[in-house]
Amino acid sequence: MKESAERELKVLKEMISAWRKSYEEAPYWGCERDLIFEIEEYLLPYLRRLYECGYIDEEQITNFLSFCYEQVEILCKNVDEKLGKRLEV
């Protein structure tokens, strides 16, 4: 079961990367907040449930959330380059 949870986390990371890339293709002011909203609204409840059911542990959650907010930072940097102003998260 742990292997399937690892595969699931990998798929979720790919999904977050795809969301980030879609925001980068058509950047606008505040898009980083929208990405954060999607992570918090759609992924965190699922992640919490995986943890509650014992499929993932705290270290996996920490690593996954670090990845998520890394994606937000990458988005800010890339949007900054396109729009010419630093976006703060």
C-alpha atoms as a PDB file:
ATOM      1  CA  MET A   1       0.000   0.000   0.000  1.00  0.00           C
ATOM      2  CA  LYS A   2       2.906   2.376   0.673  1.00  0.00           C
ATOM      3  CA  GLU A   3       4.035   1.983  -2.940  1.00  0.00           C
ATOM      4  CA  SER A   4       0.632   3.003  -4.239  1.00  0.00           C
ATOM      5  CA  ALA A   5       0.639   6.025  -1.909  1.00  0.00           C
ATOM      6  CA  GLU A   6       4.063   7.030  -3.269  1.00  0.00           C
ATOM      7  CA  ARG A   7       2.718   6.712  -6.809  1.00  0.00           C
ATOM      8  CA  GLU A   8      -0.280   8.813  -5.830  1.00  0.00           C
ATOM      9  CA  LEU A   9       1.958  11.542  -4.398  1.00  0.00           C
ATOM     10  CA  LYS A  10       3.973  11.484  -7.622  1.00  0.00           C
ATOM     11  CA  VAL A  11       0.791  11.960  -9.672  1.00  0.00           C
ATOM     12  CA  LEU A  12      -0.276  14.826  -7.402  1.00  0.00           C
ATOM     13  CA  LYS A  13       3.116  16.498  -7.845  1.00  0.00           C
ATOM     14  CA  GLU A  14       2.740  16.213 -11.611  1.00  0.00           C
ATOM     15  CA  MET A  15      -0.716  17.780 -11.313  1.00  0.00           C
ATOM     16  CA  ILE A  16       0.615  20.720  -9.283  1.00  0.00           C
ATOM     17  CA  SER A  17       3.408  21.233 -11.801  1.00  0.00           C
ATOM     18  CA  ALA A  18       0.812  21.283 -14.587  1.00  0.00           C
ATOM     19  CA  TRP A  19      -1.248  23.872 -12.683  1.00  0.00           C
ATOM     20  CA  ARG A  20       1.867  26.034 -12.232  1.00  0.00           C
ATOM     21  CA  LYS A  21       2.730  25.775 -15.916  1.00  0.00           C
ATOM     22  CA  SER A  22      -0.796  26.757 -16.935  1.00  0.00           C
ATOM     23  CA  TYR A  23      -0.536  29.909 -14.788  1.00  0.00           C
ATOM     24  CA  GLU A  24       2.840  30.674 -16.351  1.00  0.00           C
ATOM     25  CA  GLU A  25       1.384  30.445 -19.847  1.00  0.00           C
ATOM     26  CA  ALA A  26      -1.141  33.187 -19.104  1.00  0.00           C
ATOM     27  CA  PRO A  27       0.205  35.055 -16.067  1.00  0.00           C
ATOM     28  CA  TYR A  28      -1.754  37.715 -14.228  1.00  0.00           C
ATOM     29  CA  TRP A  29      -1.407  39.573 -10.963  1.00  0.00           C
ATOM     30  CA  GLY A  30      -2.473  37.311  -8.140  1.00  0.00           C
ATOM     31  CA  CYS A  31      -2.097  34.011  -9.960  1.00  0.00           C
ATOM     32  CA  GLU A  32       0.199  32.772  -7.181  1.00  0.00           C
ATOM     33  CA  ARG A  33      -2.668  33.186  -4.705  1.00  0.00           C
ATOM     34  CA  ASP A  34      -4.888  31.148  -6.996  1.00  0.00           C
ATOM     35  CA  LEU A  35      -2.332  28.338  -7.077  1.00  0.00           C
ATOM     36  CA  ILE A  36      -2.112  28.423  -3.281  1.00  0.00           C
ATOM     37  CA  PHE A  37      -5.913  28.305  -3.116  1.00  0.00           C
ATOM     38  CA  GLU A  38      -6.030  25.241  -5.360  1.00  0.00           C
ATOM     39  CA  ILE A  39      -3.408  23.470  -3.263  1.00  0.00           C
ATOM     40  CA  GLU A  40      -5.172  24.270   0.003  1.00  0.00           C
ATOM     41  CA  GLU A  41      -8.708  23.692  -1.252  1.00  0.00           C
ATOM     42  CA  TYR A  42      -8.259  20.567  -3.364  1.00  0.00           C
ATOM     43  CA  LEU A  43      -5.081  18.789  -2.294  1.00  0.00           C
ATOM     44  CA  LEU A  44      -4.722  19.347   1.442  1.00  0.00           C
ATOM     45  CA  PRO A  45      -7.989  17.578   2.358  1.00  0.00           C
ATOM     46  CA  TYR A  46      -6.952  14.598   0.234  1.00  0.00           C
ATOM     47  CA  LEU A  47      -3.478  14.604   1.751  1.00  0.00           C
ATOM     48  CA  ARG A  48      -4.990  14.758   5.237  1.00  0.00           C
ATOM     49  CA  ARG A  49      -7.165  11.764   4.430  1.00  0.00           C
ATOM     50  CA  LEU A  50      -4.198   9.751   3.147  1.00  0.00           C
ATOM     51  CA  TYR A  51      -2.448  10.499   6.437  1.00  0.00           C
ATOM     52  CA  GLU A  52      -5.483   9.669   8.600  1.00  0.00           C
ATOM     53  CA  CYS A  53      -5.837   6.323   6.837  1.00  0.00           C
ATOM     54  CA  GLY A  54      -2.172   5.553   7.453  1.00  0.00           C
ATOM     55  CA  TYR A  55      -1.092   5.562   3.815  1.00  0.00           C
ATOM     56  CA  ILE A  56       1.477   8.329   4.280  1.00  0.00           C
ATOM     57  CA  ASP A  57       3.460   9.617   7.246  1.00  0.00           C
ATOM     58  CA  GLU A  58       4.358  13.081   8.533  1.00  0.00           C
ATOM     59  CA  GLU A  59       7.655  13.148   6.668  1.00  0.00           C
ATOM     60  CA  GLN A  60       5.870  12.506   3.374  1.00  0.00           C
ATOM     61  CA  ILE A  61       3.394  15.287   4.136  1.00  0.00           C
ATOM     62  CA  THR A  62       6.230  17.687   4.960  1.00  0.00           C
ATOM     63  CA  ASN A  63       8.086  16.798   1.768  1.00  0.00           C
ATOM     64  CA  PHE A  64       4.942  17.113  -0.316  1.00  0.00           C
ATOM     65  CA  LEU A  65       4.031  20.519   1.121  1.00  0.00           C
ATOM     66  CA  SER A  66       7.593  21.725   0.591  1.00  0.00           C
ATOM     67  CA  PHE A  67       7.264  20.707  -3.044  1.00  0.00           C
ATOM     68  CA  CYS A  68       3.929  22.539  -3.322  1.00  0.00           C
ATOM     69  CA  TYR A  69       5.225  25.810  -1.999  1.00  0.00           C
ATOM     70  CA  GLU A  70       8.404  25.438  -4.045  1.00  0.00           C
ATOM     71  CA  GLN A  71       6.111  25.417  -7.070  1.00  0.00           C
ATOM     72  CA  VAL A  72       4.517  28.637  -5.836  1.00  0.00           C
ATOM     73  CA  GLU A  73       7.958  30.240  -5.536  1.00  0.00           C
ATOM     74  CA  ILE A  74       8.879  29.089  -9.044  1.00  0.00           C
ATOM     75  CA  LEU A  75       5.608  30.547 -10.320  1.00  0.00           C
ATOM     76  CA  CYS A  76       6.349  33.880  -8.614  1.00  0.00           C
ATOM     77  CA  LYS A  77       9.814  33.996 -10.135  1.00  0.00           C
ATOM     78  CA  ASN A  78       8.615  33.127 -13.635  1.00  0.00           C
ATOM     79  CA  VAL A  79       5.645  35.487 -13.528  1.00  0.00           C
ATOM     80  CA  ASP A  80       7.949  38.207 -12.205  1.00  0.00           C
ATOM     81  CA  GLU A  81      10.137  37.771 -15.265  1.00  0.00           C
ATOM     82  CA  LYS A  82       7.121  37.979 -17.591  1.00  0.00           C
ATOM     83  CA  LEU A  83       5.260  40.838 -15.905  1.00  0.00           C
ATOM     84  CA  GLY A  84       8.250  42.721 -14.534  1.00  0.00           C
ATOM     85  CA  LYS A  85       7.405  42.915 -10.836  1.00  0.00           C
ATOM     86  CA  ARG A  86       8.161  40.629  -7.910  1.00  0.00           C
ATOM     87  CA  LEU A  87       5.110  38.819  -6.562  1.00  0.00           C
ATOM     88  CA  GLU A  88       5.166  38.089  -2.825  1.00  0.00           C
ATOM     89  CA  VAL A  89       3.603  34.958  -1.374  1.00  0.00           C
END
